[in-house]
């Protein structure tokens, strides 16, 4: 079995591609930090996650 691939918490359903310079994964990604630090962006991400979960459940 191979090494697990971390998933990007921002680009739902996509693997972490280390798109932020200096990041080693989602845990120290500047983009993740910016989104999670902004209440409006964090809420919008939560909405997208709920929509995705509902669509997955319905399918």
N, C-alpha and C. Protein backbone atom coordinates (compact mmCIF):
# COMPACT_ATOMS: atom_id res chain seq x y z
N UNK A 1 0.85 -1.18 0.00
CA UNK A 1 0.00 0.00 0.00
C UNK A 1 0.89 1.24 0.00
N UNK A 2 0.54 2.25 -0.80
CA UNK A 2 1.36 3.44 -0.94
C UNK A 2 1.13 4.46 0.16
N UNK A 3 1.93 5.47 0.12
CA UNK A 3 1.84 6.56 1.09
C UNK A 3 0.56 7.35 0.84
N UNK A 4 -0.21 7.69 1.89
CA UNK A 4 -1.43 8.46 1.69
C UNK A 4 -1.14 9.84 1.11
N UNK A 5 -2.02 10.31 0.25
CA UNK A 5 -1.86 11.61 -0.39
C UNK A 5 -2.76 12.61 0.35
N UNK A 6 -2.17 13.67 0.93
CA UNK A 6 -3.01 14.65 1.63
C UNK A 6 -3.93 15.37 0.66
N UNK A 7 -5.18 15.58 1.08
CA UNK A 7 -6.16 16.26 0.27
C UNK A 7 -6.16 17.75 0.58
N UNK A 8 -6.38 18.55 -0.44
CA UNK A 8 -6.45 20.00 -0.26
C UNK A 8 -7.78 20.35 0.40
N UNK A 9 -7.76 21.03 1.53
CA UNK A 9 -9.00 21.39 2.20
C UNK A 9 -9.74 22.55 1.51
N UNK A 10 -9.10 23.20 0.56
CA UNK A 10 -9.70 24.32 -0.14
C UNK A 10 -10.28 23.87 -1.48
N UNK A 11 -9.48 23.18 -2.27
CA UNK A 11 -9.93 22.66 -3.57
C UNK A 11 -10.50 21.27 -3.32
N UNK A 12 -11.75 21.21 -2.97
CA UNK A 12 -12.39 19.98 -2.52
C UNK A 12 -12.25 18.86 -3.54
N UNK A 13 -11.83 17.72 -3.04
CA UNK A 13 -11.68 16.54 -3.89
C UNK A 13 -10.36 16.45 -4.63
N UNK A 14 -9.49 17.42 -4.44
CA UNK A 14 -8.19 17.42 -5.12
C UNK A 14 -7.07 17.17 -4.13
N UNK A 15 -6.00 16.52 -4.58
CA UNK A 15 -4.87 16.32 -3.68
C UNK A 15 -4.11 17.62 -3.45
N UNK A 16 -3.39 17.69 -2.35
CA UNK A 16 -2.53 18.84 -2.09
C UNK A 16 -1.38 18.80 -3.09
N UNK A 17 -1.27 19.85 -3.87
CA UNK A 17 -0.21 19.91 -4.88
C UNK A 17 0.90 20.86 -4.47
N UNK A 18 0.89 21.27 -3.21
CA UNK A 18 1.90 22.18 -2.69
C UNK A 18 1.97 23.45 -3.53
N UNK A 19 0.80 24.01 -3.83
CA UNK A 19 0.72 25.20 -4.69
C UNK A 19 1.23 26.46 -4.00
N UNK A 20 1.36 26.41 -2.68
CA UNK A 20 1.85 27.57 -1.94
C UNK A 20 3.34 27.38 -1.68
N UNK A 21 4.19 28.30 -2.14
CA UNK A 21 5.64 28.14 -1.96
C UNK A 21 6.02 27.93 -0.49
N UNK A 22 6.85 26.95 -0.26
CA UNK A 22 7.35 26.65 1.08
C UNK A 22 6.46 25.69 1.86
N UNK A 23 5.29 25.37 1.34
CA UNK A 23 4.39 24.46 2.05
C UNK A 23 4.86 23.03 1.91
N UNK A 24 4.65 22.27 2.97
CA UNK A 24 4.96 20.84 2.93
C UNK A 24 3.67 20.02 2.90
N UNK A 25 2.55 20.69 2.97
CA UNK A 25 1.23 20.04 2.95
C UNK A 25 0.19 21.03 3.43
N UNK A 26 -1.06 20.60 3.56
CA UNK A 26 -2.13 21.50 3.98
C UNK A 26 -1.89 22.13 5.35
N UNK A 27 -1.14 21.44 6.20
CA UNK A 27 -0.93 21.92 7.56
C UNK A 27 -0.15 23.23 7.63
N UNK A 28 0.65 23.56 6.63
CA UNK A 28 1.39 24.82 6.67
C UNK A 28 1.24 25.61 5.36
N UNK A 29 0.11 25.44 4.72
CA UNK A 29 -0.17 26.14 3.46
C UNK A 29 -0.73 27.53 3.75
N UNK A 30 -0.15 28.53 3.11
CA UNK A 30 -0.61 29.91 3.29
C UNK A 30 -2.04 30.11 2.81
N UNK A 31 -2.43 29.45 1.73
CA UNK A 31 -3.79 29.58 1.23
C UNK A 31 -4.79 29.03 2.24
N UNK A 32 -4.51 27.89 2.80
CA UNK A 32 -5.39 27.30 3.81
C UNK A 32 -5.49 28.25 5.00
N UNK A 33 -4.39 28.78 5.43
CA UNK A 33 -4.39 29.71 6.57
C UNK A 33 -5.25 30.93 6.27
N UNK A 34 -5.07 31.52 5.07
CA UNK A 34 -5.85 32.71 4.71
C UNK A 34 -7.35 32.43 4.71
N UNK A 35 -7.74 31.32 4.12
CA UNK A 35 -9.17 30.99 4.05
C UNK A 35 -9.73 30.73 5.44
N UNK A 36 -9.01 29.96 6.24
CA UNK A 36 -9.51 29.61 7.56
C UNK A 36 -9.47 30.79 8.53
N UNK A 37 -8.65 31.78 8.26
CA UNK A 37 -8.55 32.96 9.12
C UNK A 37 -9.62 34.00 8.80
N UNK A 38 -10.24 33.92 7.63
CA UNK A 38 -11.24 34.88 7.21
C UNK A 38 -12.63 34.29 7.46
N UNK A 39 -13.44 34.89 8.33
CA UNK A 39 -14.75 34.32 8.67
C UNK A 39 -15.66 34.12 7.46
N UNK A 40 -15.66 35.07 6.52
CA UNK A 40 -16.52 34.95 5.34
C UNK A 40 -16.07 33.81 4.43
N UNK A 41 -14.77 33.72 4.20
CA UNK A 41 -14.25 32.64 3.36
C UNK A 41 -14.43 31.28 4.03
N UNK A 42 -14.23 31.24 5.33
CA UNK A 42 -14.40 29.99 6.07
C UNK A 42 -15.85 29.52 5.98
N UNK A 43 -16.81 30.45 6.11
CA UNK A 43 -18.22 30.09 6.01
C UNK A 43 -18.57 29.63 4.59
N UNK A 44 -18.03 30.29 3.58
CA UNK A 44 -18.30 29.88 2.19
C UNK A 44 -17.74 28.49 1.93
N UNK A 45 -16.56 28.19 2.46
CA UNK A 45 -15.99 26.86 2.32
C UNK A 45 -16.88 25.83 3.00
N UNK A 46 -17.41 26.17 4.16
CA UNK A 46 -18.31 25.25 4.86
C UNK A 46 -19.57 25.00 4.02
N UNK A 47 -20.08 26.04 3.37
CA UNK A 47 -21.25 25.88 2.49
C UNK A 47 -20.92 24.93 1.34
N UNK A 48 -19.76 25.12 0.72
CA UNK A 48 -19.35 24.26 -0.38
C UNK A 48 -19.22 22.81 0.08
N UNK A 49 -18.68 22.60 1.28
CA UNK A 49 -18.53 21.25 1.81
C UNK A 49 -19.90 20.61 2.05
N UNK A 50 -20.85 21.40 2.59
CA UNK A 50 -22.19 20.88 2.82
C UNK A 50 -22.87 20.51 1.50
N UNK A 51 -22.73 21.38 0.49
CA UNK A 51 -23.31 21.11 -0.82
C UNK A 51 -22.71 19.84 -1.43
N UNK A 52 -21.41 19.70 -1.30
CA UNK A 52 -20.74 18.52 -1.85
C UNK A 52 -21.19 17.26 -1.13
N UNK A 53 -21.32 17.33 0.20
CA UNK A 53 -21.76 16.17 0.98
C UNK A 53 -23.20 15.81 0.60
N UNK A 54 -24.06 16.80 0.42
CA UNK A 54 -25.45 16.54 0.04
C UNK A 54 -25.52 15.91 -1.34
N UNK A 55 -24.71 16.39 -2.27
CA UNK A 55 -24.70 15.85 -3.62
C UNK A 55 -24.18 14.42 -3.62
N UNK A 56 -23.20 14.14 -2.80
CA UNK A 56 -22.63 12.79 -2.71
C UNK A 56 -23.65 11.84 -2.11
N UNK A 57 -24.38 12.30 -1.09
CA UNK A 57 -25.39 11.48 -0.43
C UNK A 57 -26.55 11.19 -1.38
N UNK A 58 -26.92 12.19 -2.18
CA UNK A 58 -28.05 12.05 -3.09
C UNK A 58 -27.73 11.12 -4.26
N UNK A 59 -26.46 11.02 -4.59
CA UNK A 59 -26.07 10.20 -5.77
C UNK A 59 -26.04 8.74 -5.52
